[in-house]
Every structure is written in C-alpha cells, then in structure tokens.
C-alpha cells in the first residue's frame, strides 16, 4: 500500500539475484519512479548497469480506484543481456490526511503543511484545544472533562474538531488498517472522541446538533493509548473531537501530538508495522486574565449584615451604567465579603469557542464554595490550584493578583498585558510569598509574562493596596495609579501653609480620634514610617516602569 504524497524505496541490489549486471523498470501510467544515485542516460527501455548501491524511489500521483490497480516491475539481466529475474510490485494508492484547524480560521482545512508544528502569534500556525472546564449541567455540577463520556451534544462545541480524510479503494488490502495513537504523557492532557456518522463536506454545526450522544464513542484516553479507526473507502471524512483535560503548568508546556498510522501486516503472531504516520499538534489554550481597564460586563459583590446601604448604592450605580449586579448572599459567603480576594476572572479562547473561566484562590475562607457552586456552569469554566494549607498566606488572596493593560516593552509586545503578583523582597529569607503552585500555573500560561512586585511590607500584602490601572484617552490608553505618602505630605503642607493646620481629620467618625494637620506633620515617628512605605512603593515604581515600559507621565501619584 502506498500513501499519496509519500515515497516508497526499493533497494535494487537487495532484490537482485546473483550475477545480475543490469536492470530495467516498467510501470503503469499512474506510477512514477527515479533512481538514486542517478544513472547514465540510456534509452527508456534499455537495461541500466547495476553499479554501486542504486535505490528506486517510487511515487504515485493519485489514489487507486480498486486494490492493486497499479504495478511496477524490475527486470534483472546478466552480463550477456539475458533476463534472469523479474520483480513485480503491486501497488494500491490511498490518500490519508489527519486534519485540524492549523491556520486558526475556524475551518479544518485539508493537509495544512503546518499542522504538525506550532507557532505563536497572529502570523503563527497550529491548532488550539480548550480545557473543557465548564459544566453543561446547572445542578449536580462537575467539570465536563471529569466524565469520559459526552453527556450532551452541546458539549462538543467546547472541543476541537479533527477530521480524518481518506480516498482510495472501497477497502484496504487484507490485514492493513488505520490506528490513532498518542503518547502516555499526552494522554494526561486530552481525550479523543469519534463521530460514528460519516460526513461528506457537511456543515459542522448542522452535523453537530443532528447527531445523538451515543454516536461519539471514546477513542483515546489515559487508559487507551492506541485504537483502530475506520477506513471509510472511496472519498470520505470522519470527524473526531479533541477534549482538553488540563492547563499548561510547571510540568506541561501545553503542546499535544496526536498520530494516525497506516499499519502493515507481517505475519500471524507479529504486531503490525507502521508504514506511514501523519501527526497533528495542538496547544492547550492558556488561561488569560482581563485588565480592569476593559469595560465591565457584570459586577460581583457580597451581602453582609452591615453593608445594606452600600449594596443599595451599588445597585443604583450599576443599573445606571447598564451592567448586571450579582450579589452573593450571606448564607453563601458566610461573612466573607472579600470577593476580590477569592476569585480572579479570566477566559480561554480559540477560533471555534471561547468562554470565561474563574480562577479560585487557595485562601479557602467563607467564599470558598462561591466560584464552583455559583459561577461554574454552561460556558463558564472553573480552575483552581490546591496548595498545602501550611503554605497558604495572605499573599495567596487575589487582591495580590492583577494584570496590566496591553503594553510594548523595548519593542516586545504584550497584547494581553502582563500579570502582576506580590512577593517578598528578593533579599528576604523569611518573607511571605504567593504559594508556589499558583505562581507556577501563572508562569506556565506564557502569554502574560508575570512581574513580581514587593508587597510583603504591607500587613495584608496585596498589590492592589498601593497600585491600579485606569483608562486614559491618550498616550498608552491608561495610567498607573500609585499610592504616595510623599504626595499626602505635600498636600498637608499646602493646607498648613494656607492656614489650615488646625483642621481635623476623622472629626465626627465613630471610634476614631480626630487628629489635626499640624499634628500629622509634627509626628516624626509617623513620618519615619511613611518614609519606609514610600521607599517600598518607589522600588515597585522602578520595577513597573522597567517591566511595562512606562514613563513618569504614565504614572499618577495619589495622596
């Protein structure tokens, strides 16, 4: 069996009988051949000297209509020119192509030359597979990829289409078969389901919803690394659906290879041998954070026993802005109001599907059940990283996880921005850090290269306590806001110079002792503490300027 597009080799010396000195080749019209190293030119049918170690390279231009419909023969001659042997190769040509959306336009094209490799960027190539981390069920939830069966046909849209295209005779010669296979390591990352329905250039969505769940058996998984797949005969297409099981992480770079081989029988009791293998490469779509400079869609807050007025005002504000307000009730949050610390919203994206995915913090306080029980659902995914309890600190709350707007740094573009986390100062030996499993997850996504700031100087230790980004109509499209004790002292000094030194701060607030502007300016201990705070912020300021390509005009200091 010959696969169109490949090349068969025949060592002429190996098949030659003793005393062979010359050879000639004949073939049917659809067969093409050449000899390497090239021989001296002779007439088309004249015997060629059998010198050196000649190899016959055989190819065919089209698929066969029936078995053994083409052939090639080699005749060997002795010194006198008499023929002494004839070798006949009967050929059956088939076209085999395992195809994916390698150009990322939403269509599975035929035999893309880049389908077996992967390159980042808008001018790159390579197919994308999503982690199937949403739940098609709204009750009795579990992540869809926990189940190795397709529970609903709608689940297929979260998977990547892969098409086996074949052309050839009605059936393969006896003993030959097709097998799809995957490495043991890659089987931890994807499953492959097969459609039992045969599609002849049909519309994907039409075929999707006209089929039944039972028509999608499991082909490849952790337990099944190789399985025979049907050869359809004639010209046919067989659809497969690839499901992502895990995100890139420390031990996984995100790339997965799926192989399809044509197997040739040897003899009874001996395994078949692959004579042709086609492969495709997928990258698991990374989890991507969204900056708060983007227009909001939905606002999440907690209801607690003491924030009724706040909720009422927030409800009015969100309604006026045309957005949706989602209030987590007290029975769900169990007195934990810090929504920002429990969850971080992001998304996963591919040409055929995208949906939001919430990253659940390992802080595990009152809001712990909210991301899974409330947010997880159809087209809303969930991911978390579990840390040992002793390793979790305040720095693992997601007020300590931010992302910048898009930036260009020294000519390198970060179109999705850069992740920002808070850690201990580099020279500290016993400081607090964001737990290792979360940091490894963030670094492994690759598209938003993290920046580490020094936040352990704060009691709570979150980067959002001293910095944030806001939209701006000019320059880079945003401004970095930084807390500034120096700006506060400058403000107080101006008030003092204007004769307001005896003005009281916190006057009338319950449980707060009023303090005057003069008292603040004369408090040397307070000044010393704020000088330390300013030095910590200035250190982070330099890091942000360097890592985000910012100028001073891109920064606003807030008292």
Protein backbone atom coordinates (compact mmCIF):
# COMPACT_ATOMS: atom_id res chain seq x y z
CA UNK A 1 0.00 0.00 0.00
CA UNK A 2 1.29 3.43 -0.98
CA UNK A 3 0.17 6.70 0.65
CA UNK A 4 -0.10 9.56 -1.84
CA UNK A 5 2.46 12.24 -1.03
CA UNK A 6 4.99 9.83 0.44
CA UNK A 7 7.79 7.90 -1.25
CA UNK A 8 8.49 4.17 -1.42
CA UNK A 9 12.08 2.97 -1.67
CA UNK A 10 13.33 -0.27 -3.24
CA UNK A 11 16.97 -1.27 -2.85
CA UNK A 12 17.79 -2.79 -6.22
CA UNK A 13 20.83 -4.73 -5.04
CA UNK A 14 18.90 -6.34 -2.20
CA UNK A 15 16.29 -7.80 -4.54
CA UNK A 16 18.74 -8.70 -7.33
CA UNK A 17 19.67 -12.37 -7.91
CA UNK A 18 23.36 -13.42 -8.17
CA UNK A 19 25.21 -12.48 -11.39
CA UNK A 20 22.85 -9.52 -12.08
CA UNK A 21 24.66 -6.80 -14.04
CA UNK A 22 21.81 -4.70 -15.47
CA UNK A 23 18.19 -3.81 -14.71
CA UNK A 24 15.23 -2.09 -16.34
CA UNK A 25 11.98 -0.69 -14.89
CA UNK A 26 8.43 -0.67 -16.25
CA UNK A 27 5.32 0.77 -14.61
CA UNK A 28 1.69 1.68 -15.20
CA UNK A 29 0.89 5.34 -16.07
CA UNK A 30 -0.02 6.49 -12.55
CA UNK A 31 3.30 5.29 -11.13
CA UNK A 32 6.42 7.46 -11.18
CA UNK A 33 9.96 6.48 -10.29
CA UNK A 34 13.54 7.67 -10.24
CA UNK A 35 16.86 6.04 -9.42
CA UNK A 36 19.38 7.38 -6.94
CA UNK A 37 22.20 7.91 -7.42
CA UNK A 38 21.23 8.93 -10.96
CA UNK A 39 22.30 6.50 -13.68
CA UNK A 40 23.82 7.24 -17.07
CA UNK A 41 21.17 8.24 -19.58
CA UNK A 42 20.06 5.42 -21.84
CA UNK A 43 17.00 4.83 -23.97
CA UNK A 44 13.78 4.38 -21.98
CA UNK A 45 13.72 0.57 -22.23
CA UNK A 46 17.45 -0.12 -22.33
CA UNK A 47 18.91 -2.01 -19.38
CA UNK A 48 20.82 0.13 -16.88
CA UNK A 49 24.10 -1.00 -15.30
CA UNK A 50 23.62 -2.24 -11.72
CA UNK A 51 26.52 -0.27 -10.28
CA UNK A 52 27.09 0.85 -6.70
CA UNK A 53 24.04 0.71 -4.46
CA UNK A 54 21.11 2.07 -6.52
CA UNK A 55 17.76 2.76 -4.86
CA UNK A 56 14.45 3.03 -6.70
CA UNK A 57 12.21 5.89 -5.46
CA UNK A 58 8.55 5.20 -6.22
CA UNK A 59 5.59 7.58 -6.03
CA UNK A 60 2.03 7.80 -7.35
CA UNK A 61 0.04 10.84 -8.37
CA UNK A 62 -3.46 9.77 -7.32
CA UNK A 63 -5.40 7.34 -5.18
CA UNK A 64 -6.37 3.93 -6.53
CA UNK A 65 -9.93 3.10 -7.53
CA UNK A 66 -9.54 -0.54 -6.57
CA UNK A 67 -7.00 -2.79 -4.91
CA UNK A 68 -3.72 -3.47 -6.78
CA UNK A 69 -4.73 -1.37 -9.79
CA UNK A 70 -1.15 -0.24 -10.44
CA UNK A 71 2.17 -2.02 -10.61
CA UNK A 72 5.87 -1.58 -11.18
CA UNK A 73 8.26 -4.27 -12.40
CA UNK A 74 12.04 -4.56 -12.30
CA UNK A 75 13.80 -6.96 -14.70
CA UNK A 76 17.36 -8.08 -13.94
CA UNK A 77 19.85 -9.09 -16.65
CA UNK A 78 23.11 -10.99 -16.66
CA UNK A 79 26.27 -9.83 -18.47
CA UNK A 80 25.09 -11.27 -21.80
CA UNK A 81 21.89 -9.24 -21.65
CA UNK A 82 19.63 -12.19 -20.98
CA UNK A 83 16.90 -11.62 -18.41
CA UNK A 84 17.32 -13.74 -15.30
CA UNK A 85 14.63 -12.43 -12.87
CA UNK A 86 11.61 -10.18 -12.63
CA UNK A 87 10.33 -8.42 -9.52
CA UNK A 88 6.76 -7.12 -9.60
CA UNK A 89 5.37 -4.66 -7.05
CA UNK A 90 1.58 -4.43 -6.98
CA UNK A 91 0.50 -1.02 -5.71
CA UNK A 92 -2.64 0.27 -4.06
CA UNK A 93 -2.54 4.04 -3.51
CA UNK A 94 -4.56 5.77 -0.78
CA UNK A 95 -4.81 9.36 0.39
CA UNK A 96 -4.69 9.72 4.18
CA UNK A 97 -4.75 13.05 5.98
CA UNK A 98 -5.41 13.80 9.65
CA UNK A 99 -6.51 17.42 9.63
CA UNK A 100 -7.03 20.23 12.14
CA UNK A 101 -7.62 23.97 12.06
CA UNK A 102 -3.91 24.74 11.73
CA UNK A 103 -4.40 28.24 10.31
CA UNK A 104 -6.85 29.16 13.10
CA UNK A 105 -9.65 30.47 10.90
CA UNK A 106 -12.38 28.23 12.31
CA UNK A 107 -12.27 25.75 9.40
CA UNK A 108 -10.46 22.41 9.27
CA UNK A 109 -8.55 22.66 6.02
CA UNK A 110 -7.09 19.69 4.17
CA UNK A 111 -3.50 18.68 4.85
CA UNK A 112 -2.15 22.03 6.02
CA UNK A 113 1.68 21.80 5.79
CA UNK A 114 1.99 23.35 9.28
CA UNK A 115 -0.44 21.02 11.07
CA UNK A 116 2.39 19.09 12.73
CA UNK A 117 4.00 22.11 14.40
CA UNK A 118 3.00 25.16 16.43
CA UNK A 119 3.95 28.86 16.37
CA UNK A 120 2.64 31.75 18.47
CA UNK A 121 1.14 34.96 17.16
CA UNK A 122 -1.30 36.27 14.54
CA UNK A 123 1.03 35.06 11.78
CA UNK A 124 1.66 31.76 13.51
CA UNK A 125 0.09 28.37 13.00
CA UNK A 126 -1.07 25.31 14.88
CA UNK A 127 -4.39 24.10 16.24
CA UNK A 128 -5.85 25.08 19.62
CA UNK A 129 -7.73 22.90 22.10
CA UNK A 130 -9.67 24.22 25.09
CA UNK A 131 -9.67 22.73 28.56
CA UNK A 132 -13.27 21.54 28.88
CA UNK A 133 -13.58 23.11 32.33
CA UNK A 134 -17.19 24.34 32.23
CA UNK A 135 -20.24 22.28 33.20
CA UNK A 136 -23.14 21.60 30.86
CA UNK A 137 -25.19 20.84 33.96
CA UNK A 138 -26.53 23.64 36.16
CA UNK A 139 -27.33 21.21 39.02
CA UNK A 140 -25.22 18.40 40.49
CA UNK A 141 -22.30 20.10 38.85
CA UNK A 142 -18.96 18.68 37.89
CA UNK A 143 -16.42 19.77 35.32
CA UNK A 144 -17.27 18.32 31.91
CA UNK A 145 -13.79 16.86 31.49
CA UNK A 146 -14.17 14.75 34.63
CA UNK A 147 -16.54 12.48 32.69
CA UNK A 148 -15.06 10.37 29.87
CA UNK A 149 -18.43 10.35 28.12
CA UNK A 150 -20.17 13.13 26.24
CA UNK A 151 -23.18 13.96 28.38
CA UNK A 152 -24.72 16.45 25.97
CA UNK A 153 -24.17 17.09 22.30
CA UNK A 154 -23.73 20.80 23.16
CA UNK A 155 -20.52 19.78 24.93
CA UNK A 156 -18.89 19.15 21.55
CA UNK A 157 -18.63 22.87 20.84
CA UNK A 158 -16.10 23.08 23.70
CA UNK A 159 -13.91 20.55 21.88
CA UNK A 160 -11.70 20.91 18.81
CA UNK A 161 -12.74 19.27 15.57
CA UNK A 162 -10.22 16.92 13.96
CA UNK A 163 -11.00 15.29 10.60
CA UNK A 164 -9.65 12.08 9.09
CA UNK A 165 -9.86 12.43 5.30
CA UNK A 166 -9.26 9.37 3.12
CA UNK A 167 -9.55 8.49 -0.56
CA UNK A 168 -8.92 5.16 -2.18
CA UNK A 169 -10.47 1.78 -2.97
CA UNK A 170 -13.57 0.53 -1.18
CA UNK A 171 -11.41 -1.25 1.37
CA UNK A 172 -7.76 -1.60 2.27
CA UNK A 173 -5.87 -4.74 1.23
CA UNK A 174 -6.28 -7.57 3.72
CA UNK A 175 -4.51 -7.01 7.03
CA UNK A 176 -3.86 -3.30 6.57
CA UNK A 177 -5.55 -0.92 8.99
CA UNK A 178 -5.52 2.61 10.40
CA UNK A 179 -4.67 3.31 14.04
CA UNK A 180 -4.84 6.55 16.02
CA UNK A 181 -2.37 6.79 18.88
CA UNK A 182 -0.97 9.15 21.48
CA UNK A 183 1.88 9.14 23.97
CA UNK A 184 1.28 8.20 27.60
CA UNK A 185 2.20 11.73 28.69
CA UNK A 186 -0.09 13.47 26.18
CA UNK A 187 -2.95 11.17 27.19
CA UNK A 188 -2.97 13.02 30.53
CA UNK A 189 -3.92 16.16 28.62
CA UNK A 190 -6.54 15.24 26.02
CA UNK A 191 -9.24 12.73 25.16
CA UNK A 192 -10.41 11.98 21.63
CA UNK A 193 -14.00 11.09 20.73
CA UNK A 194 -15.11 9.76 17.34
CA UNK A 195 -18.24 10.54 15.41
CA UNK A 196 -19.86 7.40 14.08
CA UNK A 197 -21.60 9.44 11.40
CA UNK A 198 -19.84 9.77 8.06
CA UNK A 199 -19.72 13.34 6.78
CA UNK A 200 -19.31 14.35 3.19
CA UNK A 201 -18.31 18.02 3.31
CA UNK A 202 -21.25 18.89 5.59
CA UNK A 203 -21.65 21.97 7.76
CA UNK A 204 -20.09 21.37 11.20
CA UNK A 205 -22.89 22.90 13.26
CA UNK A 206 -25.59 21.10 11.29
CA UNK A 207 -23.90 17.77 11.78
CA UNK A 208 -23.26 18.61 15.44
CA UNK A 209 -26.85 19.05 16.52
CA UNK A 210 -28.37 16.42 14.23
CA UNK A 211 -26.43 13.63 15.93
CA UNK A 212 -27.02 11.71 19.12
CA UNK A 213 -24.82 11.44 22.17
CA UNK A 214 -24.31 7.71 21.64
CA UNK A 215 -22.70 8.45 18.30
CA UNK A 216 -19.50 9.72 19.95
CA UNK A 217 -17.51 6.82 21.45
CA UNK A 218 -14.22 7.40 23.25
CA UNK A 219 -11.16 6.64 21.10
CA UNK A 220 -8.11 7.82 23.06
CA UNK A 221 -7.67 8.40 26.79
CA UNK A 222 -5.31 7.63 29.66
CA UNK A 223 -6.44 4.03 29.53
CA UNK A 224 -6.47 3.71 25.72
CA UNK A 225 -3.31 4.99 24.03
CA UNK A 226 -3.96 3.42 20.62
CA UNK A 227 -7.06 2.28 18.80
CA UNK A 228 -8.01 1.19 15.32
CA UNK A 229 -10.17 3.70 13.45
CA UNK A 230 -12.33 3.02 10.39
CA UNK A 231 -11.12 3.36 6.84
CA UNK A 232 -14.23 4.59 5.04
CA UNK A 233 -13.39 3.73 1.44
CA UNK A 234 -13.94 5.91 -1.59
CA UNK A 235 -13.72 9.57 -0.60
CA UNK A 236 -14.79 10.10 2.99
CA UNK A 237 -14.39 12.21 6.10
CA UNK A 238 -14.59 11.01 9.67
CA UNK A 239 -14.90 13.56 12.47
CA UNK A 240 -13.14 13.37 15.81
CA UNK A 241 -13.44 15.73 18.77
CA UNK A 242 -10.46 16.57 20.97
CA UNK A 243 -11.15 17.49 24.60
CA UNK A 244 -8.62 19.31 26.79
CA UNK A 245 -8.15 17.98 30.33
CA UNK A 246 -5.57 20.26 31.95
CA UNK A 247 -3.98 23.68 31.61
CA UNK A 248 -0.30 24.31 30.98
CA UNK A 249 1.68 24.09 34.20
CA UNK A 250 5.18 23.57 35.55
CA UNK A 251 5.33 20.00 34.21
CA UNK A 252 3.40 20.60 30.97
CA UNK A 253 4.29 23.07 28.19
CA UNK A 254 0.83 22.99 26.61
CA UNK A 255 1.67 21.05 23.43
CA UNK A 256 0.00 17.76 22.48
CA UNK A 257 0.62 15.48 19.49
CA UNK A 258 -1.95 13.07 18.04
CA UNK A 259 -0.81 10.49 15.49
CA UNK A 260 -2.51 8.43 12.79
CA UNK A 261 -0.63 5.46 11.32
CA UNK A 262 -1.23 3.04 8.47
CA UNK A 263 -0.27 -0.41 9.73
CA UNK A 264 1.05 -3.21 7.52
CA UNK A 265 0.62 -6.88 8.45
CA UNK A 266 3.74 -9.01 8.78
CA UNK A 267 2.52 -12.48 9.78
CA UNK A 268 0.34 -14.11 12.38
CA UNK A 269 1.55 -13.50 15.90
CA UNK A 270 3.68 -10.50 14.94
CA UNK A 271 2.40 -6.94 15.54
CA UNK A 272 1.62 -4.84 12.51
CA UNK A 273 4.27 -2.32 11.42
CA UNK A 274 3.54 1.37 10.77
CA UNK A 275 4.48 2.26 7.20
CA UNK A 276 3.06 5.80 7.26
CA UNK A 277 2.30 8.21 10.10
CA UNK A 278 0.56 11.55 9.96
CA UNK A 279 0.55 13.80 13.02
CA UNK A 280 -1.14 16.96 14.25
CA UNK A 281 -0.12 19.26 17.09
CA UNK A 282 -2.47 21.13 19.43
CA UNK A 283 -1.67 23.73 22.04
CA UNK A 284 -3.92 23.89 25.08
CA UNK A 285 -5.34 27.41 25.20
CA UNK A 286 -3.89 29.34 28.14
CA UNK A 287 -5.94 30.92 30.91
CA UNK A 288 -5.92 34.66 30.20
CA UNK A 289 -6.58 37.41 32.75
CA UNK A 290 -8.50 40.57 31.85
CA UNK A 291 -7.38 44.06 32.97
CA UNK A 292 -9.78 46.31 34.85
CA UNK A 293 -9.39 48.95 32.12
CA UNK A 294 -11.77 46.92 29.95
CA UNK A 295 -15.49 47.82 30.01
CA UNK A 296 -17.26 45.80 32.72
CA UNK A 297 -19.98 43.27 31.99
CA UNK A 298 -21.03 42.10 35.43
CA UNK A 299 -20.30 43.31 38.97
CA UNK A 300 -19.93 40.85 41.86
CA UNK A 301 -20.41 41.91 45.49
CA UNK A 302 -21.23 40.27 48.81
CA UNK A 303 -24.18 40.91 51.06
CA UNK A 304 -23.24 41.11 54.74
CA UNK A 305 -25.10 42.10 57.88
CA UNK A 306 -23.67 45.63 57.84
CA UNK A 307 -23.49 46.73 54.17
CA UNK A 308 -27.13 47.29 53.19
CA UNK A 309 -26.57 50.97 52.33
CA UNK A 310 -23.52 50.11 50.25
CA UNK A 311 -25.45 47.46 48.30
CA UNK A 312 -28.31 49.85 47.62
CA UNK A 313 -25.95 52.49 46.28
CA UNK A 314 -24.04 49.92 44.25
CA UNK A 315 -27.28 48.59 42.78
CA UNK A 316 -28.25 52.08 41.63
CA UNK A 317 -24.81 52.78 40.17
CA UNK A 318 -24.63 49.50 38.25
CA UNK A 319 -28.20 49.90 36.95
CA UNK A 320 -27.47 53.42 35.71
CA UNK A 321 -24.37 52.13 33.93
CA UNK A 322 -26.31 49.36 32.20
CA UNK A 323 -24.44 46.45 33.76
CA UNK A 324 -25.52 43.41 35.75
CA UNK A 325 -25.13 43.17 39.52
CA UNK A 326 -24.55 39.73 41.04
CA UNK A 327 -24.96 39.68 44.83
CA UNK A 328 -23.57 36.74 46.80
CA UNK A 329 -25.94 36.20 49.76
CA UNK A 330 -24.79 35.81 53.35
CA UNK A 331 -25.55 32.08 53.53
CA UNK A 332 -23.14 31.56 50.65
CA UNK A 333 -20.34 33.94 51.69
CA UNK A 334 -20.56 33.06 55.40
CA UNK A 335 -19.50 36.55 56.43
CA UNK A 336 -16.58 36.74 53.98
CA UNK A 337 -17.04 39.96 51.99
CA UNK A 338 -13.76 39.92 50.07
CA UNK A 339 -14.91 38.81 46.61
CA UNK A 340 -11.78 40.34 45.06
CA UNK A 341 -9.61 38.05 47.18
CA UNK A 342 -11.47 34.81 46.43
CA UNK A 343 -11.74 34.87 42.62
CA UNK A 344 -9.91 36.14 39.56
CA UNK A 345 -11.79 36.27 36.27
CA UNK A 346 -10.16 35.24 33.03
CA UNK A 347 -11.09 33.38 29.87
CA UNK A 348 -9.94 30.79 27.35
CA UNK A 349 -10.16 31.35 23.61
CA UNK A 350 -9.99 29.51 20.30
CA UNK A 351 -11.27 30.14 16.77
CA UNK A 352 -14.33 27.96 17.40
CA UNK A 353 -15.22 28.76 21.02
CA UNK A 354 -14.36 30.96 23.99
CA UNK A 355 -15.79 31.38 27.47
CA UNK A 356 -14.91 32.94 30.85
CA UNK A 357 -13.03 30.86 33.40
CA UNK A 358 -12.76 31.75 37.07
CA UNK A 359 -9.52 31.04 38.93
CA UNK A 360 -10.36 30.08 42.52
CA UNK A 361 -7.91 31.23 45.18
CA UNK A 362 -6.43 28.70 47.63
CA UNK A 363 -7.29 31.07 50.53
CA UNK A 364 -10.39 28.91 51.24
CA UNK A 365 -12.38 31.13 53.56
CA UNK A 366 -16.11 31.89 53.70
CA UNK A 367 -16.47 32.43 49.94
CA UNK A 368 -14.78 29.14 49.10
CA UNK A 369 -17.90 27.49 47.62
CA UNK A 370 -19.00 30.51 45.57
CA UNK A 371 -16.84 30.03 42.43
CA UNK A 372 -17.80 26.37 41.99
CA UNK A 373 -21.41 26.42 43.17
CA UNK A 374 -22.47 29.72 41.57
CA UNK A 375 -20.13 30.63 38.72
CA UNK A 376 -19.38 27.22 37.18
CA UNK A 377 -21.97 26.33 34.55
CA UNK A 378 -22.58 26.11 30.79
CA UNK A 379 -19.87 28.16 29.05
CA UNK A 380 -18.43 29.36 32.37
CA UNK A 381 -15.34 27.43 33.41
CA UNK A 382 -13.54 26.84 36.68
CA UNK A 383 -9.91 26.20 37.59
CA UNK A 384 -8.02 26.17 40.87
CA UNK A 385 -4.68 25.18 42.29
CA UNK A 386 -4.54 23.36 45.60
CA UNK A 387 -1.72 24.24 47.98
CA UNK A 388 -0.72 22.67 51.25
CA UNK A 389 -2.52 24.59 53.96
CA UNK A 390 0.71 25.49 55.74
CA UNK A 391 1.95 27.20 52.57
CA UNK A 392 -1.08 29.48 52.13
CA UNK A 393 -0.71 33.07 53.33
CA UNK A 394 -2.50 36.37 52.84
CA UNK A 395 -0.45 36.82 49.65
CA UNK A 396 -2.48 33.98 48.08
CA UNK A 397 -5.60 36.11 48.06
CA UNK A 398 -6.24 37.54 44.62
CA UNK A 399 -6.10 41.15 45.67
CA UNK A 400 -2.46 40.19 45.20
CA UNK A 401 -3.03 39.22 41.56
CA UNK A 402 -3.50 41.88 38.88
CA UNK A 403 -2.81 42.31 35.18
CA UNK A 404 -1.69 45.35 33.23
CA UNK A 405 -3.33 46.68 30.08
CA UNK A 406 -1.57 45.87 26.77
CA UNK A 407 2.00 47.25 26.67
CA UNK A 408 5.08 47.28 24.47
CA UNK A 409 8.42 47.00 26.28
CA UNK A 410 11.65 47.63 24.37
CA UNK A 411 9.95 46.59 21.15
CA UNK A 412 8.37 43.42 22.59
CA UNK A 413 4.59 43.47 22.50
CA UNK A 414 2.38 42.13 25.26
CA UNK A 415 -1.04 42.46 23.60
CA UNK A 416 -2.75 40.84 26.59
CA UNK A 417 -0.78 42.76 29.20
CA UNK A 418 1.40 41.30 31.95
CA UNK A 419 0.36 39.59 35.17
CA UNK A 420 1.40 41.33 38.39
CA UNK A 421 1.86 39.48 41.68
CA UNK A 422 3.20 40.47 45.08
CA UNK A 423 6.00 38.57 46.81
CA UNK A 424 8.63 39.06 49.49
CA UNK A 425 11.60 41.35 48.88
CA UNK A 426 14.32 39.48 46.91
CA UNK A 427 16.85 39.56 49.76
CA UNK A 428 14.37 38.41 52.43
CA UNK A 429 14.88 34.91 53.80
CA UNK A 430 11.66 34.52 55.83
CA UNK A 431 9.13 36.67 53.99
CA UNK A 432 5.69 35.69 52.71
CA UNK A 433 5.19 34.71 49.06
CA UNK A 434 2.34 33.70 46.82
CA UNK A 435 2.21 29.93 47.03
CA UNK A 436 4.37 28.07 44.54
CA UNK A 437 1.59 26.10 42.79
CA UNK A 438 -0.25 29.31 41.86
CA UNK A 439 2.91 31.05 40.65
CA UNK A 440 3.85 28.02 38.53
CA UNK A 441 0.39 27.99 36.97
CA UNK A 442 0.57 31.70 36.10
CA UNK A 443 4.04 31.45 34.57
CA UNK A 444 3.09 28.39 32.51
CA UNK A 445 0.34 30.26 30.62
CA UNK A 446 3.14 32.17 28.80
CA UNK A 447 1.04 34.90 27.15
CA UNK A 448 1.06 37.35 30.10
CA UNK A 449 4.59 37.02 31.50
CA UNK A 450 4.33 37.77 35.24
CA UNK A 451 6.01 40.64 37.06
CA UNK A 452 6.85 40.19 40.75
CA UNK A 453 6.44 43.24 42.97
CA UNK A 454 7.46 43.63 46.61
CA UNK A 455 4.24 43.60 48.67
CA UNK A 456 5.23 41.74 51.83
CA UNK A 457 5.92 45.09 53.53
CA UNK A 458 2.15 45.54 53.84
CA UNK A 459 0.24 43.91 56.70
CA UNK A 460 -2.15 42.17 54.29
CA UNK A 461 0.40 42.17 51.48
CA UNK A 462 -1.70 42.76 48.35
CA UNK A 463 -0.51 44.71 45.31
CA UNK A 464 -3.98 46.24 44.84
CA UNK A 465 -3.45 48.16 48.11
CA UNK A 466 -0.93 50.52 46.50
CA UNK A 467 -1.47 50.34 42.72
CA UNK A 468 -4.07 50.01 39.99
CA UNK A 469 -4.70 51.00 36.36
CA UNK A 470 -7.36 53.32 34.96
CA UNK A 471 -8.31 54.05 31.33
CA UNK A 472 -6.95 57.23 29.72
CA UNK A 473 -7.74 58.87 26.36
CA UNK A 474 -4.11 59.48 25.40
CA UNK A 475 -0.59 58.07 25.49
CA UNK A 476 -0.77 54.31 26.15
CA UNK A 477 -4.51 54.33 26.79
CA UNK A 478 -4.15 54.02 30.57
CA UNK A 479 -2.50 55.48 33.65
CA UNK A 480 -0.84 53.66 36.52
CA UNK A 481 -2.12 54.95 39.86
CA UNK A 482 0.31 54.63 42.76
CA UNK A 483 -0.31 55.40 46.41
CA UNK A 484 2.08 58.13 47.58
CA UNK A 485 2.82 59.19 51.18
CA UNK A 486 5.02 61.97 49.75
CA UNK A 487 2.04 63.33 47.82
CA UNK A 488 -0.02 63.21 51.02
CA UNK A 489 2.60 65.14 52.99
CA UNK A 490 2.79 67.68 50.18
CA UNK A 491 -0.99 68.08 50.40
CA UNK A 492 -0.90 68.52 54.19
CA UNK A 493 1.97 71.01 53.93
CA UNK A 494 -0.04 73.04 51.46
CA UNK A 495 -3.02 73.05 53.86
CA UNK A 496 -0.73 74.18 56.68
CA UNK A 497 0.75 76.99 54.57
CA UNK A 498 -2.78 78.13 53.73
CA UNK A 499 -3.62 78.43 57.42
CA UNK A 500 -5.48 75.15 57.89
CA UNK A 501 -3.02 73.49 60.25
CA UNK A 502 -5.68 73.07 62.92
CA UNK A 503 -8.13 71.35 60.56
CA UNK A 504 -9.13 67.97 61.98
CA UNK A 505 -9.10 64.65 60.18
CA UNK A 506 -11.64 61.94 61.15
CA UNK A 507 -13.72 64.50 63.05
CA UNK A 508 -17.16 63.08 63.84
CA UNK A 509 -16.29 59.49 62.91
CA UNK A 510 -17.27 56.90 65.46
CA UNK A 511 -14.40 55.15 67.23
CA UNK A 512 -11.83 57.43 65.56
CA UNK A 513 -9.77 60.02 67.43
CA UNK A 514 -9.52 63.31 65.49
CA UNK A 515 -6.04 64.46 64.53
CA UNK A 516 -5.03 67.86 63.09
CA UNK A 517 -2.90 68.58 60.04
CA UNK A 518 -0.24 70.13 62.29
CA UNK A 519 -0.13 67.03 64.47
CA UNK A 520 0.42 64.81 61.44
CA UNK A 521 3.24 66.99 60.15
CA UNK A 522 4.94 67.12 63.55
CA UNK A 523 4.73 63.36 64.22
CA UNK A 524 8.29 62.20 63.50
CA UNK A 525 7.51 58.52 64.13
CA UNK A 526 4.68 58.65 61.60
CA UNK A 527 6.95 60.44 59.15
CA UNK A 528 9.65 57.81 59.56
CA UNK A 529 7.15 55.01 58.93
CA UNK A 530 5.83 56.75 55.83
CA UNK A 531 9.34 57.26 54.50
CA UNK A 532 9.76 53.48 54.66
CA UNK A 533 6.43 52.95 52.90
CA UNK A 534 7.42 55.45 50.20
CA UNK A 535 10.73 53.66 49.66
CA UNK A 536 8.88 50.35 49.17
CA UNK A 537 6.50 51.93 46.66
CA UNK A 538 9.40 53.64 44.86
CA UNK A 539 11.14 50.27 44.49
CA UNK A 540 7.98 48.88 42.88
CA UNK A 541 7.63 52.02 40.78
CA UNK A 542 11.02 51.35 39.19
CA UNK A 543 10.10 47.71 38.53
CA UNK A 544 6.81 48.70 36.87
CA UNK A 545 8.47 51.37 34.73
CA UNK A 546 11.08 48.89 33.55
CA UNK A 547 8.82 45.87 33.03
CA UNK A 548 5.87 47.75 31.49
CA UNK A 549 7.84 50.33 29.50
CA UNK A 550 6.31 53.27 31.39
CA UNK A 551 7.42 56.89 31.61
CA UNK A 552 6.77 59.23 34.52
CA UNK A 553 3.95 60.81 32.51
CA UNK A 554 2.19 57.42 32.56
CA UNK A 555 2.01 57.46 36.37
CA UNK A 556 -0.27 59.40 38.71
CA UNK A 557 0.69 59.66 42.38
CA UNK A 558 -2.31 59.64 44.70
CA UNK A 559 -2.00 61.04 48.23
